[in-house]
Amino acid sequence: MYHCPVELALDVIGGKWRAVILAHLKEGPHHYGELRRKVPGISEKMFVQRLRELQDTGLVSRTEVPPHVEYSLTEEGRSLGPALQALYDWGVRRAARTGEVIAQA
């Protein structure tokens, strides 16, 4: 049982890496290696674990397109688009206010 809708949302997408992976998949489907390169600060083990968690929650789908594996957002994952965009926009504005640097991929 959750006591607040935000608690539920953060339980599903919470943590640094899940939201980052979802934000990259919001751009469209990615092959495994391509997606992995977009998230350079995470270990291989953690990356695979987070992808599996996102699949288990029904936000990400995994499709084998020989010789590649492709990940994309499910319909449920795509429904997070506005929330992810709001976080992205807030991060851009915050970086501008504070002087934080955001590396461009």
C-alpha atoms as a PDB file:
ATOM      1  CA  MET A   1       0.000   0.000   0.000  1.00  0.00           C
ATOM      2  CA  TYR A   2       1.222   3.452  -0.888  1.00  0.00           C
ATOM      3  CA  HIS A   3       0.376   6.589   1.043  1.00  0.00           C
ATOM      4  CA  CYS A   4       1.017   9.017  -1.807  1.00  0.00           C
ATOM      5  CA  PRO A   5       1.001   8.738  -5.632  1.00  0.00           C
ATOM      6  CA  VAL A   6       4.549  10.166  -5.717  1.00  0.00           C
ATOM      7  CA  GLU A   7       5.671   7.250  -3.542  1.00  0.00           C
ATOM      8  CA  LEU A   8       4.297   4.809  -6.131  1.00  0.00           C
ATOM      9  CA  ALA A   9       5.880   6.695  -9.043  1.00  0.00           C
ATOM     10  CA  LEU A  10       9.288   6.804  -7.368  1.00  0.00           C
ATOM     11  CA  ASP A  11       9.049   3.125  -6.490  1.00  0.00           C
ATOM     12  CA  VAL A  12       8.692   2.361 -10.206  1.00  0.00           C
ATOM     13  CA  ILE A  13      11.117   4.881 -11.752  1.00  0.00           C
ATOM     14  CA  GLY A  14      13.119   5.962  -8.706  1.00  0.00           C
ATOM     15  CA  GLY A  15      16.860   5.931  -8.576  1.00  0.00           C
ATOM     16  CA  LYS A  16      19.314   7.654 -10.804  1.00  0.00           C
ATOM     17  CA  TRP A  17      19.708   5.036 -13.487  1.00  0.00           C
ATOM     18  CA  ARG A  18      16.121   3.986 -14.203  1.00  0.00           C
ATOM     19  CA  ALA A  19      15.031   7.528 -15.037  1.00  0.00           C
ATOM     20  CA  VAL A  20      18.146   8.110 -17.165  1.00  0.00           C
ATOM     21  CA  ILE A  21      17.560   4.925 -19.164  1.00  0.00           C
ATOM     22  CA  LEU A  22      13.898   5.832 -19.634  1.00  0.00           C
ATOM     23  CA  ALA A  23      14.842   9.334 -20.790  1.00  0.00           C
ATOM     24  CA  HIS A  24      17.118   7.917 -23.485  1.00  0.00           C
ATOM     25  CA  LEU A  25      14.498   5.400 -24.606  1.00  0.00           C
ATOM     26  CA  LYS A  26      11.998   8.262 -24.839  1.00  0.00           C
ATOM     27  CA  GLU A  27      14.009   9.305 -27.920  1.00  0.00           C
ATOM     28  CA  GLY A  28      13.109   5.982 -29.565  1.00  0.00           C
ATOM     29  CA  PRO A  29      14.262   2.350 -29.666  1.00  0.00           C
ATOM     30  CA  HIS A  30      17.962   1.676 -29.049  1.00  0.00           C
ATOM     31  CA  HIS A  31      20.203  -1.308 -29.602  1.00  0.00           C
ATOM     32  CA  TYR A  32      21.789  -2.528 -26.386  1.00  0.00           C
ATOM     33  CA  GLY A  33      25.279  -1.162 -27.151  1.00  0.00           C
ATOM     34  CA  GLU A  34      23.962   2.200 -28.271  1.00  0.00           C
ATOM     35  CA  LEU A  35      21.894   2.580 -25.103  1.00  0.00           C
ATOM     36  CA  ARG A  36      24.808   1.397 -22.948  1.00  0.00           C
ATOM     37  CA  ARG A  37      27.093   4.095 -24.398  1.00  0.00           C
ATOM     38  CA  LYS A  38      24.543   6.779 -23.542  1.00  0.00           C
ATOM     39  CA  VAL A  39      24.787   5.861 -19.847  1.00  0.00           C
ATOM     40  CA  PRO A  40      28.564   5.873 -19.249  1.00  0.00           C
ATOM     41  CA  GLY A  41      28.606   6.273 -15.461  1.00  0.00           C
ATOM     42  CA  ILE A  42      26.994   2.927 -14.655  1.00  0.00           C
ATOM     43  CA  SER A  43      28.627  -0.488 -14.311  1.00  0.00           C
ATOM     44  CA  GLU A  44      27.667  -3.211 -16.774  1.00  0.00           C
ATOM     45  CA  LYS A  45      26.101  -5.288 -13.994  1.00  0.00           C
ATOM     46  CA  MET A  46      23.999  -2.383 -12.726  1.00  0.00           C
ATOM     47  CA  PHE A  47      22.950  -1.437 -16.274  1.00  0.00           C
ATOM     48  CA  VAL A  48      21.672  -4.945 -17.014  1.00  0.00           C
ATOM     49  CA  GLN A  49      19.938  -5.086 -13.630  1.00  0.00           C
ATOM     50  CA  ARG A  50      18.149  -1.771 -14.175  1.00  0.00           C
ATOM     51  CA  LEU A  51      17.043  -2.768 -17.692  1.00  0.00           C
ATOM     52  CA  ARG A  52      15.569  -5.987 -16.291  1.00  0.00           C
ATOM     53  CA  GLU A  53      13.771  -4.069 -13.551  1.00  0.00           C
ATOM     54  CA  LEU A  54      12.280  -1.701 -16.123  1.00  0.00           C
ATOM     55  CA  GLN A  55      11.133  -4.697 -18.164  1.00  0.00           C
ATOM     56  CA  ASP A  56       9.623  -6.298 -15.052  1.00  0.00           C
ATOM     57  CA  THR A  57       7.631  -3.129 -14.320  1.00  0.00           C
ATOM     58  CA  GLY A  58       6.269  -3.139 -17.875  1.00  0.00           C
ATOM     59  CA  LEU A  59       7.902   0.136 -18.918  1.00  0.00           C
ATOM     60  CA  VAL A  60      10.518  -1.275 -21.306  1.00  0.00           C
ATOM     61  CA  SER A  61      10.339  -4.042 -23.879  1.00  0.00           C
ATOM     62  CA  ARG A  62      13.224  -6.119 -25.178  1.00  0.00           C
ATOM     63  CA  THR A  63      13.131  -7.363 -28.751  1.00  0.00           C
ATOM     64  CA  GLU A  64      15.685  -9.566 -30.448  1.00  0.00           C
ATOM     65  CA  VAL A  65      16.434  -8.255 -33.926  1.00  0.00           C
ATOM     66  CA  PRO A  66      19.319 -10.530 -34.949  1.00  0.00           C
ATOM     67  CA  PRO A  67      22.126  -9.856 -34.542  1.00  0.00           C
ATOM     68  CA  HIS A  68      21.042  -7.135 -32.085  1.00  0.00           C
ATOM     69  CA  VAL A  69      18.829  -6.740 -29.063  1.00  0.00           C
ATOM     70  CA  GLU A  70      16.653  -3.648 -29.101  1.00  0.00           C
ATOM     71  CA  TYR A  71      15.014  -1.892 -26.172  1.00  0.00           C
ATOM     72  CA  SER A  72      12.063   0.442 -26.409  1.00  0.00           C
ATOM     73  CA  LEU A  73       9.381   1.927 -24.225  1.00  0.00           C
ATOM     74  CA  THR A  74       6.106   0.085 -23.920  1.00  0.00           C
ATOM     75  CA  GLU A  75       2.841   1.977 -24.089  1.00  0.00           C
ATOM     76  CA  GLU A  76       3.001   2.303 -20.298  1.00  0.00           C
ATOM     77  CA  GLY A  77       6.578   3.599 -20.583  1.00  0.00           C
ATOM     78  CA  ARG A  78       5.581   6.116 -23.247  1.00  0.00           C
ATOM     79  CA  SER A  79       2.916   7.434 -20.876  1.00  0.00           C
ATOM     80  CA  LEU A  80       5.827   8.723 -18.749  1.00  0.00           C
ATOM     81  CA  GLY A  81       6.890  11.027 -21.600  1.00  0.00           C
ATOM     82  CA  PRO A  82       5.486  14.267 -20.140  1.00  0.00           C
ATOM     83  CA  ALA A  83       6.969  13.548 -16.697  1.00  0.00           C
ATOM     84  CA  LEU A  84      10.372  12.723 -18.187  1.00  0.00           C
ATOM     85  CA  GLN A  85      10.257  15.863 -20.332  1.00  0.00           C
ATOM     86  CA  ALA A  86       9.393  17.950 -17.260  1.00  0.00           C
ATOM     87  CA  LEU A  87      12.394  16.501 -15.400  1.00  0.00           C
ATOM     88  CA  TYR A  88      14.621  17.164 -18.419  1.00  0.00           C
ATOM     89  CA  ASP A  89      13.449  20.764 -18.734  1.00  0.00           C
ATOM     90  CA  TRP A  90      13.862  21.359 -15.005  1.00  0.00           C
ATOM     91  CA  GLY A  91      17.397  19.935 -15.163  1.00  0.00           C
ATOM     92  CA  VAL A  92      18.304  22.281 -18.025  1.00  0.00           C
ATOM     93  CA  ARG A  93      16.965  25.296 -16.127  1.00  0.00           C
ATOM     94  CA  ARG A  94      18.692  24.200 -12.909  1.00  0.00           C
ATOM     95  CA  ALA A  95      22.028  23.801 -14.718  1.00  0.00           C
ATOM     96  CA  ALA A  96      21.644  27.298 -16.179  1.00  0.00           C
ATOM     97  CA  ARG A  97      20.935  28.777 -12.731  1.00  0.00           C
ATOM     98  CA  THR A  98      23.712  26.942 -10.895  1.00  0.00           C
ATOM     99  CA  GLY A  99      26.392  26.700 -13.555  1.00  0.00           C
ATOM    100  CA  GLU A 100      26.349  22.890 -13.513  1.00  0.00           C
ATOM    101  CA  VAL A 101      27.696  21.308 -16.681  1.00  0.00           C
ATOM    102  CA  ILE A 102      25.650  18.749 -18.595  1.00  0.00           C
ATOM    103  CA  ALA A 103      27.719  16.716 -21.084  1.00  0.00           C
ATOM    104  CA  GLN A 104      26.163  16.448 -24.525  1.00  0.00           C
ATOM    105  CA  ALA A 105      25.942  12.912 -25.891  1.00  0.00           C
END
